[in-house]
Amino acid sequence: MPGRKKNKTESDVKKRLKRRRRINIIRNAAIALVTVAILAVLGYMFEQALVKGEFDVKEISVEGESVLPESMIIEASGVKTGDNIFLVNINDMRSGIGNVLMTDELIIQKKLPDQIRIEIKEKPVLFAYHSGKKFDYVGEDLKIVAENNYLSAGNVPLVSGLEPETDGNVGDSFSLEPSYKFTNILEILRIFKNNNLLGEISEVSITPENLYRIITRQDSEIIVKDLENFKEYFGYIKNIVEKKTRRVQINITTGNYPVQKQR
């Protein structure tokens, strides 16, 4: 009869739904058990790896050029080989490096299981100054980019013969006295920089006779009276520096023509 067939169909549907629910419950329970088992195994393996020191830092690398040696940057970061890589605090590393070096960009990455990578883009350095206690590396914006106990960057010119206005730290503004001579030296350095020759200059100083003395990486000495004298003969000076002329002394203060002799 139609009524019985309908009741039978509804009963079959209910049975199938119950069966499906039971299957889903059993399947979900099995998945949960498997997941717990996998997590337990992974937890045990992780614990054993920690005990064996597999996550202890074994390599700390520094990429990018800097006036500071790699060892000093790593020391400032506060991280040492043997530290647990999961306990290394990247913010603390940033703060430590920031105390000794100003950067345009600083990237620190943990590379599991045991490597830390430090990538730096240092603020450009214009010159270095030795205060008698330390070397200050000064940027284009006249702020101290870095400090070191010795001159560690061979391609940074040294400025001497002037007195510091203050004894600053990394990030502080920097100035030398008398200020007008310092301004002239800055202009000389910038002219060399704009002509891609800054790396060829070893030192710019004020002599006891109040002349400007330029020493090249080739140990040649160029003496000019003032900034105007330097600019007037820059073509000649540029030629000497570009040709990497070795161990000559050139005096441009004595008359209409430079006086050149071997040092």
C-alpha atoms as a PDB file:
ATOM      1  CA  MET A   1       0.000   0.000   0.000  1.00  0.00           C
ATOM      2  CA  PRO A   2       1.169   3.598  -0.663  1.00  0.00           C
ATOM      3  CA  GLY A   3       1.270   4.549   3.026  1.00  0.00           C
ATOM      4  CA  ARG A   4       3.510   1.580   4.007  1.00  0.00           C
ATOM      5  CA  LYS A   5       5.944   2.225   1.139  1.00  0.00           C
ATOM      6  CA  LYS A   6       6.287   5.830   2.254  1.00  0.00           C
ATOM      7  CA  ASN A   7       6.959   4.854   5.871  1.00  0.00           C
ATOM      8  CA  LYS A   8       9.529   2.302   4.768  1.00  0.00           C
ATOM      9  CA  THR A   9      11.375   4.840   2.657  1.00  0.00           C
ATOM     10  CA  GLU A  10      11.552   7.330   5.545  1.00  0.00           C
ATOM     11  CA  SER A  11      12.840   4.600   7.845  1.00  0.00           C
ATOM     12  CA  ASP A  12      15.600   3.659   5.393  1.00  0.00           C
ATOM     13  CA  VAL A  13      16.687   7.283   5.098  1.00  0.00           C
ATOM     14  CA  LYS A  14      16.883   7.629   8.876  1.00  0.00           C
ATOM     15  CA  LYS A  15      18.953   4.440   9.128  1.00  0.00           C
ATOM     16  CA  ARG A  16      21.372   5.652   6.477  1.00  0.00           C
ATOM     17  CA  LEU A  17      21.773   9.000   8.247  1.00  0.00           C
ATOM     18  CA  LYS A  18      22.456   7.285  11.569  1.00  0.00           C
ATOM     19  CA  ARG A  19      24.992   4.991   9.916  1.00  0.00           C
ATOM     20  CA  ARG A  20      26.716   7.965   8.270  1.00  0.00           C
ATOM     21  CA  ARG A  21      26.877   9.831  11.579  1.00  0.00           C
ATOM     22  CA  ARG A  22      28.456   6.818  13.273  1.00  0.00           C
ATOM     23  CA  ILE A  23      31.013   6.517  10.473  1.00  0.00           C
ATOM     24  CA  ASN A  24      31.851  10.230  10.761  1.00  0.00           C
ATOM     25  CA  ILE A  25      32.261   9.954  14.531  1.00  0.00           C
ATOM     26  CA  ILE A  26      34.550   6.948  14.195  1.00  0.00           C
ATOM     27  CA  ARG A  27      36.556   8.633  11.391  1.00  0.00           C
ATOM     28  CA  ASN A  28      36.954  11.884  13.360  1.00  0.00           C
ATOM     29  CA  ALA A  29      38.018   9.940  16.433  1.00  0.00           C
ATOM     30  CA  ALA A  30      40.585   8.019  14.370  1.00  0.00           C
ATOM     31  CA  ILE A  31      41.934  11.267  12.871  1.00  0.00           C
ATOM     32  CA  ALA A  32      42.191  12.798  16.345  1.00  0.00           C
ATOM     33  CA  LEU A  33      44.060   9.731  17.658  1.00  0.00           C
ATOM     34  CA  VAL A  34      46.458   9.763  14.705  1.00  0.00           C
ATOM     35  CA  THR A  35      47.021  13.518  15.126  1.00  0.00           C
ATOM     36  CA  VAL A  36      47.760  13.115  18.843  1.00  0.00           C
ATOM     37  CA  ALA A  37      50.151  10.269  18.050  1.00  0.00           C
ATOM     38  CA  ILE A  38      51.960  12.330  15.381  1.00  0.00           C
ATOM     39  CA  LEU A  39      52.222  15.331  17.715  1.00  0.00           C
ATOM     40  CA  ALA A  40      53.567  13.102  20.460  1.00  0.00           C
ATOM     41  CA  VAL A  41      56.217  11.683  18.122  1.00  0.00           C
ATOM     42  CA  LEU A  42      57.124  15.133  16.832  1.00  0.00           C
ATOM     43  CA  GLY A  43      57.278  16.470  20.389  1.00  0.00           C
ATOM     44  CA  TYR A  44      59.600  13.653  21.395  1.00  0.00           C
ATOM     45  CA  MET A  45      61.800  14.210  18.348  1.00  0.00           C
ATOM     46  CA  PHE A  46      61.927  17.968  19.045  1.00  0.00           C
ATOM     47  CA  GLU A  47      62.836  17.349  22.677  1.00  0.00           C
ATOM     48  CA  GLN A  48      65.631  14.984  21.636  1.00  0.00           C
ATOM     49  CA  ALA A  49      66.878  17.540  19.087  1.00  0.00           C
ATOM     50  CA  LEU A  50      67.044  20.166  21.834  1.00  0.00           C
ATOM     51  CA  VAL A  51      68.906  17.797  24.140  1.00  0.00           C
ATOM     52  CA  LYS A  52      71.404  16.996  21.383  1.00  0.00           C
ATOM     53  CA  GLY A  53      71.926  20.697  20.603  1.00  0.00           C
ATOM     54  CA  GLU A  54      70.656  20.479  17.034  1.00  0.00           C
ATOM     55  CA  PHE A  55      69.000  23.903  17.447  1.00  0.00           C
ATOM     56  CA  ASP A  56      72.048  25.538  18.992  1.00  0.00           C
ATOM     57  CA  VAL A  57      73.442  28.386  16.871  1.00  0.00           C
ATOM     58  CA  LYS A  58      76.463  27.169  14.918  1.00  0.00           C
ATOM     59  CA  GLU A  59      76.891  29.951  12.360  1.00  0.00           C
ATOM     60  CA  ILE A  60      76.352  33.728  12.503  1.00  0.00           C
ATOM     61  CA  SER A  61      76.967  35.480   9.179  1.00  0.00           C
ATOM     62  CA  VAL A  62      77.148  39.202   8.374  1.00  0.00           C
ATOM     63  CA  GLU A  63      76.472  40.413   4.828  1.00  0.00           C
ATOM     64  CA  GLY A  64      76.983  43.932   3.491  1.00  0.00           C
ATOM     65  CA  GLU A  65      79.893  46.364   3.685  1.00  0.00           C
ATOM     66  CA  SER A  66      80.625  48.160   6.941  1.00  0.00           C
ATOM     67  CA  VAL A  67      83.358  50.253   8.514  1.00  0.00           C
ATOM     68  CA  LEU A  68      83.156  47.875  11.482  1.00  0.00           C
ATOM     69  CA  PRO A  69      84.608  44.366  11.363  1.00  0.00           C
ATOM     70  CA  GLU A  70      82.192  41.445  11.245  1.00  0.00           C
ATOM     71  CA  SER A  71      83.337  40.222  14.667  1.00  0.00           C
ATOM     72  CA  MET A  72      82.386  43.548  16.283  1.00  0.00           C
ATOM     73  CA  ILE A  73      78.904  43.520  14.752  1.00  0.00           C
ATOM     74  CA  ILE A  74      78.318  39.955  15.947  1.00  0.00           C
ATOM     75  CA  GLU A  75      79.555  40.841  19.433  1.00  0.00           C
ATOM     76  CA  ALA A  76      77.243  43.866  19.542  1.00  0.00           C
ATOM     77  CA  SER A  77      74.275  41.665  18.542  1.00  0.00           C
ATOM     78  CA  GLY A  78      74.656  39.745  21.798  1.00  0.00           C
ATOM     79  CA  VAL A  79      74.278  36.359  20.102  1.00  0.00           C
ATOM     80  CA  LYS A  80      76.913  33.647  20.491  1.00  0.00           C
ATOM     81  CA  THR A  81      77.401  30.240  18.961  1.00  0.00           C
ATOM     82  CA  GLY A  82      75.826  27.691  21.269  1.00  0.00           C
ATOM     83  CA  ASP A  83      72.767  29.830  22.048  1.00  0.00           C
ATOM     84  CA  ASN A  84      69.421  28.146  21.455  1.00  0.00           C
ATOM     85  CA  ILE A  85      68.080  29.606  18.219  1.00  0.00           C
ATOM     86  CA  PHE A  86      64.501  29.675  19.569  1.00  0.00           C
ATOM     87  CA  LEU A  87      65.594  31.820  22.520  1.00  0.00           C
ATOM     88  CA  VAL A  88      67.424  34.386  20.373  1.00  0.00           C
ATOM     89  CA  ASN A  89      65.540  37.698  20.514  1.00  0.00           C
ATOM     90  CA  ILE A  90      65.808  39.553  17.192  1.00  0.00           C
ATOM     91  CA  ASN A  91      64.668  42.854  18.724  1.00  0.00           C
ATOM     92  CA  ASP A  92      67.495  42.645  21.275  1.00  0.00           C
ATOM     93  CA  MET A  93      69.917  41.962  18.417  1.00  0.00           C
ATOM     94  CA  ARG A  94      68.682  45.059  16.557  1.00  0.00           C
ATOM     95  CA  SER A  95      69.089  47.198  19.653  1.00  0.00           C
ATOM     96  CA  GLY A  96      72.622  45.933  20.313  1.00  0.00           C
ATOM     97  CA  ILE A  97      73.787  46.539  16.745  1.00  0.00           C
ATOM     98  CA  GLY A  98      72.126  49.955  16.767  1.00  0.00           C
ATOM     99  CA  ASN A  99      74.344  50.972  19.703  1.00  0.00           C
ATOM    100  CA  VAL A 100      77.491  50.651  17.571  1.00  0.00           C
ATOM    101  CA  LEU A 101      76.282  51.238  14.007  1.00  0.00           C
ATOM    102  CA  MET A 102      73.726  53.404  12.173  1.00  0.00           C
ATOM    103  CA  THR A 103      72.125  51.570   9.257  1.00  0.00           C
ATOM    104  CA  ASP A 104      69.753  52.400   6.421  1.00  0.00           C
ATOM    105  CA  GLU A 105      68.556  48.794   6.550  1.00  0.00           C
ATOM    106  CA  LEU A 106      69.072  45.949   8.999  1.00  0.00           C
ATOM    107  CA  ILE A 107      67.661  42.480   8.304  1.00  0.00           C
ATOM    108  CA  ILE A 108      68.097  39.632  10.797  1.00  0.00           C
ATOM    109  CA  GLN A 109      66.894  36.137   9.918  1.00  0.00           C
ATOM    110  CA  LYS A 110      66.856  32.815  11.734  1.00  0.00           C
ATOM    111  CA  LYS A 111      67.584  29.957   9.358  1.00  0.00           C
ATOM    112  CA  LEU A 112      66.658  26.693  11.052  1.00  0.00           C
ATOM    113  CA  PRO A 113      68.112  24.650  12.452  1.00  0.00           C
ATOM    114  CA  ASP A 114      71.294  26.513  13.480  1.00  0.00           C
ATOM    115  CA  GLN A 115      72.099  29.652  11.433  1.00  0.00           C
ATOM    116  CA  ILE A 116      71.547  33.371  11.958  1.00  0.00           C
ATOM    117  CA  ARG A 117      71.992  35.807   9.063  1.00  0.00           C
ATOM    118  CA  ILE A 118      72.591  39.535   9.598  1.00  0.00           C
ATOM    119  CA  GLU A 119      72.287  41.747   6.531  1.00  0.00           C
ATOM    120  CA  ILE A 120      73.235  45.416   6.865  1.00  0.00           C
ATOM    121  CA  LYS A 121      73.095  48.455   4.635  1.00  0.00           C
ATOM    122  CA  GLU A 122      75.198  50.988   6.468  1.00  0.00           C
ATOM    123  CA  LYS A 123      74.661  54.737   6.201  1.00  0.00           C
ATOM    124  CA  PRO A 124      77.332  56.178   3.866  1.00  0.00           C
ATOM    125  CA  VAL A 125      80.476  57.353   5.670  1.00  0.00           C
ATOM    126  CA  LEU A 126      82.251  60.547   4.545  1.00  0.00           C
ATOM    127  CA  PHE A 127      85.289  60.553   6.849  1.00  0.00           C
ATOM    128  CA  ALA A 128      86.764  59.320  10.112  1.00  0.00           C
ATOM    129  CA  TYR A 129      88.126  61.346  13.036  1.00  0.00           C
ATOM    130  CA  HIS A 130      90.420  60.204  15.856  1.00  0.00           C
ATOM    131  CA  SER A 131      89.637  61.908  19.143  1.00  0.00           C
ATOM    132  CA  GLY A 132      92.609  60.363  20.929  1.00  0.00           C
ATOM    133  CA  LYS A 133      90.387  57.703  22.514  1.00  0.00           C
ATOM    134  CA  LYS A 134      88.420  56.334  19.567  1.00  0.00           C
ATOM    135  CA  PHE A 135      87.714  56.693  15.861  1.00  0.00           C
ATOM    136  CA  ASP A 136      84.390  58.274  14.927  1.00  0.00           C
ATOM    137  CA  TYR A 137      83.005  57.455  11.474  1.00  0.00           C
ATOM    138  CA  VAL A 138      80.896  60.373  10.281  1.00  0.00           C
ATOM    139  CA  GLY A 139      78.215  60.292   7.584  1.00  0.00           C
ATOM    140  CA  GLU A 140      77.108  62.801   4.955  1.00  0.00           C
ATOM    141  CA  ASP A 141      74.519  64.154   7.399  1.00  0.00           C
ATOM    142  CA  LEU A 142      77.343  64.811   9.924  1.00  0.00           C
ATOM    143  CA  LYS A 143      76.093  62.205  12.368  1.00  0.00           C
ATOM    144  CA  ILE A 144      78.315  59.543  13.894  1.00  0.00           C
ATOM    145  CA  VAL A 145      77.636  56.319  11.990  1.00  0.00           C
ATOM    146  CA  ALA A 146      79.985  54.093  13.996  1.00  0.00           C
ATOM    147  CA  GLU A 147      82.789  54.090  16.543  1.00  0.00           C
ATOM    148  CA  ASN A 148      85.823  51.875  16.896  1.00  0.00           C
ATOM    149  CA  ASN A 149      89.032  51.784  18.887  1.00  0.00           C
ATOM    150  CA  TYR A 150      91.101  51.542  15.723  1.00  0.00           C
ATOM    151  CA  LEU A 151      90.848  52.600  12.070  1.00  0.00           C
ATOM    152  CA  SER A 152      89.203  49.524  10.594  1.00  0.00           C
ATOM    153  CA  ALA A 153      88.063  50.914   7.216  1.00  0.00           C
ATOM    154  CA  GLY A 154      90.892  51.388   4.733  1.00  0.00           C
ATOM    155  CA  ASN A 155      88.846  53.347   2.202  1.00  0.00           C
ATOM    156  CA  VAL A 156      87.617  56.104   4.545  1.00  0.00           C
ATOM    157  CA  PRO A 157      89.676  59.335   4.671  1.00  0.00           C
ATOM    158  CA  LEU A 158      90.845  60.575   8.054  1.00  0.00           C
ATOM    159  CA  VAL A 159      90.334  64.222   9.058  1.00  0.00           C
ATOM    160  CA  SER A 160      92.891  65.707  11.477  1.00  0.00           C
ATOM    161  CA  GLY A 161      94.252  68.986  12.784  1.00  0.00           C
ATOM    162  CA  LEU A 162      90.939  70.246  14.197  1.00  0.00           C
ATOM    163  CA  GLU A 163      89.286  69.872  17.606  1.00  0.00           C
ATOM    164  CA  PRO A 164      85.926  68.176  18.218  1.00  0.00           C
ATOM    165  CA  GLU A 165      83.105  70.371  19.453  1.00  0.00           C
ATOM    166  CA  THR A 166      81.698  67.571  21.622  1.00  0.00           C
ATOM    167  CA  ASP A 167      82.511  63.955  22.407  1.00  0.00           C
ATOM    168  CA  GLY A 168      79.458  62.237  20.924  1.00  0.00           C
ATOM    169  CA  ASN A 169      78.183  58.706  20.545  1.00  0.00           C
ATOM    170  CA  VAL A 170      76.684  56.766  17.638  1.00  0.00           C
ATOM    171  CA  GLY A 171      73.748  58.726  16.211  1.00  0.00           C
ATOM    172  CA  ASP A 172      74.883  62.087  17.622  1.00  0.00           C
ATOM    173  CA  SER A 173      75.707  65.130  15.485  1.00  0.00           C
ATOM    174  CA  PHE A 174      79.410  65.752  14.853  1.00  0.00           C
ATOM    175  CA  SER A 175      81.360  68.979  14.392  1.00  0.00           C
ATOM    176  CA  LEU A 176      84.964  70.223  14.504  1.00  0.00           C
ATOM    177  CA  GLU A 177      86.463  73.589  15.387  1.00  0.00           C
ATOM    178  CA  PRO A 178      87.208  76.063  13.957  1.00  0.00           C
ATOM    179  CA  SER A 179      83.989  75.587  12.016  1.00  0.00           C
ATOM    180  CA  TYR A 180      85.011  77.476   8.853  1.00  0.00           C
ATOM    181  CA  LYS A 181      88.024  75.195   8.352  1.00  0.00           C
ATOM    182  CA  PHE A 182      85.842  72.179   8.989  1.00  0.00           C
ATOM    183  CA  THR A 183      83.381  73.474   6.373  1.00  0.00           C
ATOM    184  CA  ASN A 184      86.242  73.813   3.866  1.00  0.00           C
ATOM    185  CA  ILE A 185      87.451  70.274   4.543  1.00  0.00           C
ATOM    186  CA  LEU A 186      83.923  68.944   4.098  1.00  0.00           C
ATOM    187  CA  GLU A 187      83.697  70.679   0.725  1.00  0.00           C
ATOM    188  CA  ILE A 188      87.056  69.193  -0.329  1.00  0.00           C
ATOM    189  CA  LEU A 189      85.876  65.713   0.653  1.00  0.00           C
ATOM    190  CA  ARG A 190      82.570  66.136  -1.174  1.00  0.00           C
ATOM    191  CA  ILE A 191      84.332  67.276  -4.342  1.00  0.00           C
ATOM    192  CA  PHE A 192      86.462  64.131  -4.252  1.00  0.00           C
ATOM    193  CA  LYS A 193      83.328  62.053  -3.572  1.00  0.00           C
ATOM    194  CA  ASN A 194      81.413  63.608  -6.472  1.00  0.00           C
ATOM    195  CA  ASN A 195      84.335  62.684  -8.742  1.00  0.00           C
ATOM    196  CA  ASN A 196      84.420  59.078  -7.426  1.00  0.00           C
ATOM    197  CA  LEU A 197      87.826  59.681  -5.838  1.00  0.00           C
ATOM    198  CA  LEU A 198      87.003  59.677  -2.116  1.00  0.00           C
ATOM    199  CA  GLY A 199      88.346  56.145  -1.720  1.00  0.00           C
ATOM    200  CA  GLU A 200      91.733  57.318  -3.046  1.00  0.00           C
ATOM    201  CA  ILE A 201      92.172  59.858  -0.238  1.00  0.00           C
ATOM    202  CA  SER A 202      93.857  58.745   2.960  1.00  0.00           C
ATOM    203  CA  GLU A 203      93.787  61.957   5.009  1.00  0.00           C
ATOM    204  CA  VAL A 204      92.870  65.638   4.905  1.00  0.00           C
ATOM    205  CA  SER A 205      94.368  67.774   7.648  1.00  0.00           C
ATOM    206  CA  ILE A 206      95.187  71.320   8.735  1.00  0.00           C
ATOM    207  CA  THR A 207      98.935  71.896   9.103  1.00  0.00           C
ATOM    208  CA  PRO A 208     100.541  74.037  11.852  1.00  0.00           C
ATOM    209  CA  GLU A 209     100.931  76.718   9.138  1.00  0.00           C
ATOM    210  CA  ASN A 210      97.117  76.650   8.594  1.00  0.00           C
ATOM    211  CA  LEU A 211      97.436  75.055   5.173  1.00  0.00           C
ATOM    212  CA  TYR A 212      95.301  72.147   3.903  1.00  0.00           C
ATOM    213  CA  ARG A 213      97.229  68.909   3.477  1.00  0.00           C
ATOM    214  CA  ILE A 214      95.803  66.043   1.384  1.00  0.00           C
ATOM    215  CA  ILE A 215      97.398  62.577   1.545  1.00  0.00           C
ATOM    216  CA  THR A 216      96.481  59.984  -1.096  1.00  0.00           C
ATOM    217  CA  ARG A 217      96.392  56.195  -0.776  1.00  0.00           C
ATOM    218  CA  GLN A 218      99.560  56.172  -2.889  1.00  0.00           C
ATOM    219  CA  ASP A 219     101.333  58.192  -0.151  1.00  0.00           C
ATOM    220  CA  SER A 220     101.459  61.383  -2.211  1.00  0.00           C
ATOM    221  CA  GLU A 221     101.043  64.749  -0.455  1.00  0.00           C
ATOM    222  CA  ILE A 222      99.176  67.732  -1.899  1.00  0.00           C
ATOM    223  CA  ILE A 223      99.269  71.074  -0.056  1.00  0.00           C
ATOM    224  CA  VAL A 224      96.807  73.861  -0.855  1.00  0.00           C
ATOM    225  CA  LYS A 225      96.289  77.292   0.697  1.00  0.00           C
ATOM    226  CA  ASP A 226      92.512  77.187   1.069  1.00  0.00           C
ATOM    227  CA  LEU A 227      89.315  75.967  -0.593  1.00  0.00           C
ATOM    228  CA  GLU A 228      89.563  78.422  -3.488  1.00  0.00           C
ATOM    229  CA  ASN A 229      93.147  77.363  -4.130  1.00  0.00           C
ATOM    230  CA  PHE A 230      91.989  73.722  -4.145  1.00  0.00           C
ATOM    231  CA  LYS A 231      89.140  74.409  -6.570  1.00  0.00           C
ATOM    232  CA  GLU A 232      91.385  76.426  -8.892  1.00  0.00           C
ATOM    233  CA  TYR A 233      93.846  73.552  -9.274  1.00  0.00           C
ATOM    234  CA  PHE A 234      91.406  70.659  -8.894  1.00  0.00           C
ATOM    235  CA  GLY A 235      91.909  69.530 -12.501  1.00  0.00           C
ATOM    236  CA  TYR A 236      95.621  69.115 -11.802  1.00  0.00           C
ATOM    237  CA  ILE A 237      94.976  67.440  -8.426  1.00  0.00           C
ATOM    238  CA  LYS A 238      92.374  65.133  -9.986  1.00  0.00           C
ATOM    239  CA  ASN A 239      94.894  64.001 -12.593  1.00  0.00           C
ATOM    240  CA  ILE A 240      97.463  63.169  -9.886  1.00  0.00           C
ATOM    241  CA  VAL A 241      94.930  61.160  -7.887  1.00  0.00           C
ATOM    242  CA  GLU A 242      93.418  59.337 -10.876  1.00  0.00           C
ATOM    243  CA  LYS A 243      96.843  58.292 -12.162  1.00  0.00           C
ATOM    244  CA  LYS A 244      97.680  56.965  -8.663  1.00  0.00           C
ATOM    245  CA  THR A 245     100.946  58.888  -8.692  1.00  0.00           C
ATOM    246  CA  ARG A 246     103.127  57.470  -5.931  1.00  0.00           C
ATOM    247  CA  ARG A 247     105.122  59.280  -3.261  1.00  0.00           C
ATOM    248  CA  VAL A 248     105.277  62.813  -4.618  1.00  0.00           C
ATOM    249  CA  GLN A 249     104.884  66.100  -2.754  1.00  0.00           C
ATOM    250  CA  ILE A 250     102.966  68.845  -4.558  1.00  0.00           C
ATOM    251  CA  ASN A 251     102.850  72.347  -3.117  1.00  0.00           C
ATOM    252  CA  ILE A 252     100.233  74.602  -4.733  1.00  0.00           C
ATOM    253  CA  THR A 253     100.661  77.510  -2.290  1.00  0.00           C
ATOM    254  CA  THR A 254     103.951  79.014  -3.504  1.00  0.00           C
ATOM    255  CA  GLY A 255     103.013  80.812  -6.724  1.00  0.00           C
ATOM    256  CA  ASN A 256     101.405  80.415 -10.110  1.00  0.00           C
ATOM    257  CA  TYR A 257     102.641  76.863 -10.680  1.00  0.00           C
ATOM    258  CA  PRO A 258     102.579  73.733  -8.499  1.00  0.00           C
ATOM    259  CA  VAL A 259     105.938  72.671  -7.105  1.00  0.00           C
ATOM    260  CA  GLN A 260     106.385  68.911  -7.349  1.00  0.00           C
ATOM    261  CA  LYS A 261     109.121  66.728  -5.902  1.00  0.00           C
ATOM    262  CA  GLN A 262     109.617  63.189  -4.670  1.00  0.00           C
ATOM    263  CA  ARG A 263     108.806  62.513  -1.029  1.00  0.00           C
END
